[in-house]
Amino acid sequence: MLLNEYIAIGIFIALTVLVGVIAIVLGVLFGPKRPAGKKSMPYESGMNPIGPGTRRIPVRFYLVSVLFILFDIEVVFFIPWALVFQDYVKAGQGMFMLGEMLVFVAILLVGYAYAWKKGALEWD
């Protein structure tokens, strides 16, 4: 039966859920139960903290980080392409594969140019 191949995945998912539940239960059972003012204060290298513990972060920071993740993940697609490219060259489909990657890079460059033109990469 084909479902036998998925038993290992099911066991892995069950074990990860079990480890997560055990970690949460141990934290609740053995964690601190009496919070105090001093214990709740943030630790600042032995210095008394100045100002609030949370500060507003500019939206530009999030925009730059999302763009970094987006372009970083898209570049990861080069690795499997590079691994199979030689096989496609031997099979006579190298130009097709190269064209596909050039289209992908062109789409990336259009997105990069758009982000650059909108000023999303400026850091003030």
C-alpha atoms as a PDB file:
ATOM      1  CA  MET A   1       0.000   0.000   0.000  1.00  0.00           C
ATOM      2  CA  LEU A   2       1.281   3.507  -0.808  1.00  0.00           C
ATOM      3  CA  LEU A   3       0.495   4.915   2.621  1.00  0.00           C
ATOM      4  CA  ASN A   4       3.309   2.865   4.183  1.00  0.00           C
ATOM      5  CA  GLU A   5       5.782   5.401   2.771  1.00  0.00           C
ATOM      6  CA  TYR A   6       4.217   8.130   4.918  1.00  0.00           C
ATOM      7  CA  ILE A   7       4.595   6.286   8.224  1.00  0.00           C
ATOM      8  CA  ALA A   8       8.034   7.825   8.843  1.00  0.00           C
ATOM      9  CA  ILE A   9       6.639  11.329   8.275  1.00  0.00           C
ATOM     10  CA  GLY A  10       3.750  10.615  10.650  1.00  0.00           C
ATOM     11  CA  ILE A  11       6.130   9.340  13.331  1.00  0.00           C
ATOM     12  CA  PHE A  12       8.333  12.417  12.893  1.00  0.00           C
ATOM     13  CA  ILE A  13       5.362  14.777  13.246  1.00  0.00           C
ATOM     14  CA  ALA A  14       4.109  12.894  16.312  1.00  0.00           C
ATOM     15  CA  LEU A  15       7.545  13.062  17.956  1.00  0.00           C
ATOM     16  CA  THR A  16       7.921  16.788  17.305  1.00  0.00           C
ATOM     17  CA  VAL A  17       4.475  17.489  18.750  1.00  0.00           C
ATOM     18  CA  LEU A  18       5.316  15.318  21.762  1.00  0.00           C
ATOM     19  CA  VAL A  19       8.619  17.137  22.377  1.00  0.00           C
ATOM     20  CA  GLY A  20       6.826  20.496  22.152  1.00  0.00           C
ATOM     21  CA  VAL A  21       4.134  19.412  24.605  1.00  0.00           C
ATOM     22  CA  ILE A  22       6.735  18.031  27.022  1.00  0.00           C
ATOM     23  CA  ALA A  23       8.709  21.304  26.899  1.00  0.00           C
ATOM     24  CA  ILE A  24       5.599  23.376  27.629  1.00  0.00           C
ATOM     25  CA  VAL A  25       4.479  21.089  30.462  1.00  0.00           C
ATOM     26  CA  LEU A  26       7.948  21.130  32.061  1.00  0.00           C
ATOM     27  CA  GLY A  27       8.029  24.919  31.845  1.00  0.00           C
ATOM     28  CA  VAL A  28       4.659  25.207  33.542  1.00  0.00           C
ATOM     29  CA  LEU A  29       5.526  22.665  36.256  1.00  0.00           C
ATOM     30  CA  PHE A  30       9.034  23.843  37.113  1.00  0.00           C
ATOM     31  CA  GLY A  31       8.942  27.483  36.005  1.00  0.00           C
ATOM     32  CA  PRO A  32       8.822  30.480  38.339  1.00  0.00           C
ATOM     33  CA  LYS A  33       5.495  30.901  40.055  1.00  0.00           C
ATOM     34  CA  ARG A  34       6.000  34.118  42.037  1.00  0.00           C
ATOM     35  CA  PRO A  35       6.846  37.015  39.730  1.00  0.00           C
ATOM     36  CA  ALA A  36       8.241  40.072  41.477  1.00  0.00           C
ATOM     37  CA  GLY A  37       8.987  43.594  40.324  1.00  0.00           C
ATOM     38  CA  LYS A  38      12.738  43.039  40.245  1.00  0.00           C
ATOM     39  CA  LYS A  39      12.379  39.713  38.421  1.00  0.00           C
ATOM     40  CA  SER A  40      10.195  41.261  35.731  1.00  0.00           C
ATOM     41  CA  MET A  41      12.653  44.064  34.938  1.00  0.00           C
ATOM     42  CA  PRO A  42      14.756  43.674  31.780  1.00  0.00           C
ATOM     43  CA  TYR A  43      18.435  43.000  32.360  1.00  0.00           C
ATOM     44  CA  GLU A  44      20.629  45.730  30.859  1.00  0.00           C
ATOM     45  CA  SER A  45      24.185  44.610  31.646  1.00  0.00           C
ATOM     46  CA  GLY A  46      23.789  45.433  35.320  1.00  0.00           C
ATOM     47  CA  MET A  47      22.571  48.960  34.588  1.00  0.00           C
ATOM     48  CA  ASN A  48      19.135  50.303  35.413  1.00  0.00           C
ATOM     49  CA  PRO A  49      17.106  50.454  32.206  1.00  0.00           C
ATOM     50  CA  ILE A  50      16.358  53.890  30.798  1.00  0.00           C
ATOM     51  CA  GLY A  51      13.015  54.341  29.089  1.00  0.00           C
ATOM     52  CA  PRO A  52      10.432  51.727  28.204  1.00  0.00           C
ATOM     53  CA  GLY A  53      11.363  48.141  27.406  1.00  0.00           C
ATOM     54  CA  THR A  54       9.616  48.305  24.060  1.00  0.00           C
ATOM     55  CA  ARG A  55      10.205  51.027  21.533  1.00  0.00           C
ATOM     56  CA  ARG A  56       8.603  51.758  18.212  1.00  0.00           C
ATOM     57  CA  ILE A  57      10.625  50.502  15.267  1.00  0.00           C
ATOM     58  CA  PRO A  58      10.250  52.278  11.933  1.00  0.00           C
ATOM     59  CA  VAL A  59       8.312  50.430   9.251  1.00  0.00           C
ATOM     60  CA  ARG A  60      11.279  50.849   6.908  1.00  0.00           C
ATOM     61  CA  PHE A  61      13.200  48.295   8.997  1.00  0.00           C
ATOM     62  CA  TYR A  62      10.522  45.685   8.367  1.00  0.00           C
ATOM     63  CA  LEU A  63      10.371  46.549   4.679  1.00  0.00           C
ATOM     64  CA  VAL A  64      14.124  46.078   4.230  1.00  0.00           C
ATOM     65  CA  SER A  65      14.058  42.804   6.157  1.00  0.00           C
ATOM     66  CA  VAL A  66      11.141  41.437   4.115  1.00  0.00           C
ATOM     67  CA  LEU A  67      12.894  42.404   0.879  1.00  0.00           C
ATOM     68  CA  PHE A  68      16.074  40.702   2.079  1.00  0.00           C
ATOM     69  CA  ILE A  69      14.192  37.500   2.884  1.00  0.00           C
ATOM     70  CA  LEU A  70      12.336  37.641  -0.432  1.00  0.00           C
ATOM     71  CA  PHE A  71      15.463  38.037  -2.560  1.00  0.00           C
ATOM     72  CA  ASP A  72      17.433  35.607  -0.405  1.00  0.00           C
ATOM     73  CA  ILE A  73      14.854  32.858  -0.836  1.00  0.00           C
ATOM     74  CA  GLU A  74      14.602  33.476  -4.571  1.00  0.00           C
ATOM     75  CA  VAL A  75      18.371  33.142  -4.955  1.00  0.00           C
ATOM     76  CA  VAL A  76      18.141  29.693  -3.335  1.00  0.00           C
ATOM     77  CA  PHE A  77      16.417  28.531  -6.538  1.00  0.00           C
ATOM     78  CA  PHE A  78      19.756  28.861  -8.344  1.00  0.00           C
ATOM     79  CA  ILE A  79      21.219  25.860  -6.499  1.00  0.00           C
ATOM     80  CA  PRO A  80      18.889  23.130  -7.801  1.00  0.00           C
ATOM     81  CA  TRP A  81      18.975  24.714 -11.254  1.00  0.00           C
ATOM     82  CA  ALA A  82      22.768  24.635 -11.282  1.00  0.00           C
ATOM     83  CA  LEU A  83      22.782  21.003 -10.160  1.00  0.00           C
ATOM     84  CA  VAL A  84      20.562  19.772 -13.005  1.00  0.00           C
ATOM     85  CA  PHE A  85      21.763  22.186 -15.692  1.00  0.00           C
ATOM     86  CA  GLN A  86      24.613  19.923 -16.849  1.00  0.00           C
ATOM     87  CA  ASP A  87      22.190  17.019 -17.347  1.00  0.00           C
ATOM     88  CA  TYR A  88      19.936  19.171 -19.507  1.00  0.00           C
ATOM     89  CA  VAL A  89      22.916  20.358 -21.564  1.00  0.00           C
ATOM     90  CA  LYS A  90      23.838  16.729 -22.242  1.00  0.00           C
ATOM     91  CA  ALA A  91      20.221  16.016 -23.233  1.00  0.00           C
ATOM     92  CA  GLY A  92      20.230  18.924 -25.706  1.00  0.00           C
ATOM     93  CA  GLN A  93      17.924  21.193 -23.677  1.00  0.00           C
ATOM     94  CA  GLY A  94      20.603  23.481 -22.246  1.00  0.00           C
ATOM     95  CA  MET A  95      19.450  26.577 -24.108  1.00  0.00           C
ATOM     96  CA  PHE A  96      15.881  26.086 -22.895  1.00  0.00           C
ATOM     97  CA  MET A  97      17.076  25.797 -19.287  1.00  0.00           C
ATOM     98  CA  LEU A  98      19.279  28.853 -19.702  1.00  0.00           C
ATOM     99  CA  GLY A  99      16.351  30.809 -21.142  1.00  0.00           C
ATOM    100  CA  GLU A 100      14.142  29.799 -18.229  1.00  0.00           C
ATOM    101  CA  MET A 101      16.746  31.017 -15.746  1.00  0.00           C
ATOM    102  CA  LEU A 102      17.218  34.273 -17.644  1.00  0.00           C
ATOM    103  CA  VAL A 103      13.463  34.905 -17.435  1.00  0.00           C
ATOM    104  CA  PHE A 104      13.637  34.194 -13.676  1.00  0.00           C
ATOM    105  CA  VAL A 105      16.586  36.579 -13.242  1.00  0.00           C
ATOM    106  CA  ALA A 106      14.787  39.232 -15.297  1.00  0.00           C
ATOM    107  CA  ILE A 107      11.756  39.001 -13.005  1.00  0.00           C
ATOM    108  CA  LEU A 108      14.077  39.313  -9.998  1.00  0.00           C
ATOM    109  CA  LEU A 109      15.760  42.361 -11.491  1.00  0.00           C
ATOM    110  CA  VAL A 110      12.419  44.028 -12.235  1.00  0.00           C
ATOM    111  CA  GLY A 111      11.398  43.531  -8.592  1.00  0.00           C
ATOM    112  CA  TYR A 112      14.761  44.800  -7.372  1.00  0.00           C
ATOM    113  CA  ALA A 113      14.606  47.866  -9.633  1.00  0.00           C
ATOM    114  CA  TYR A 114      11.054  48.608  -8.459  1.00  0.00           C
ATOM    115  CA  ALA A 115      12.090  48.391  -4.791  1.00  0.00           C
ATOM    116  CA  TRP A 116      15.119  50.586  -5.494  1.00  0.00           C
ATOM    117  CA  LYS A 117      13.040  53.185  -7.384  1.00  0.00           C
ATOM    118  CA  LYS A 118      10.462  53.343  -4.585  1.00  0.00           C
ATOM    119  CA  GLY A 119      13.263  54.000  -2.070  1.00  0.00           C
ATOM    120  CA  ALA A 120      12.658  50.798  -0.135  1.00  0.00           C
ATOM    121  CA  LEU A 121      16.400  50.144   0.105  1.00  0.00           C
ATOM    122  CA  GLU A 122      17.288  53.560   1.522  1.00  0.00           C
ATOM    123  CA  TRP A 123      18.429  53.451   5.119  1.00  0.00           C
ATOM    124  CA  ASP A 124      18.047  56.759   6.973  1.00  0.00           C
END
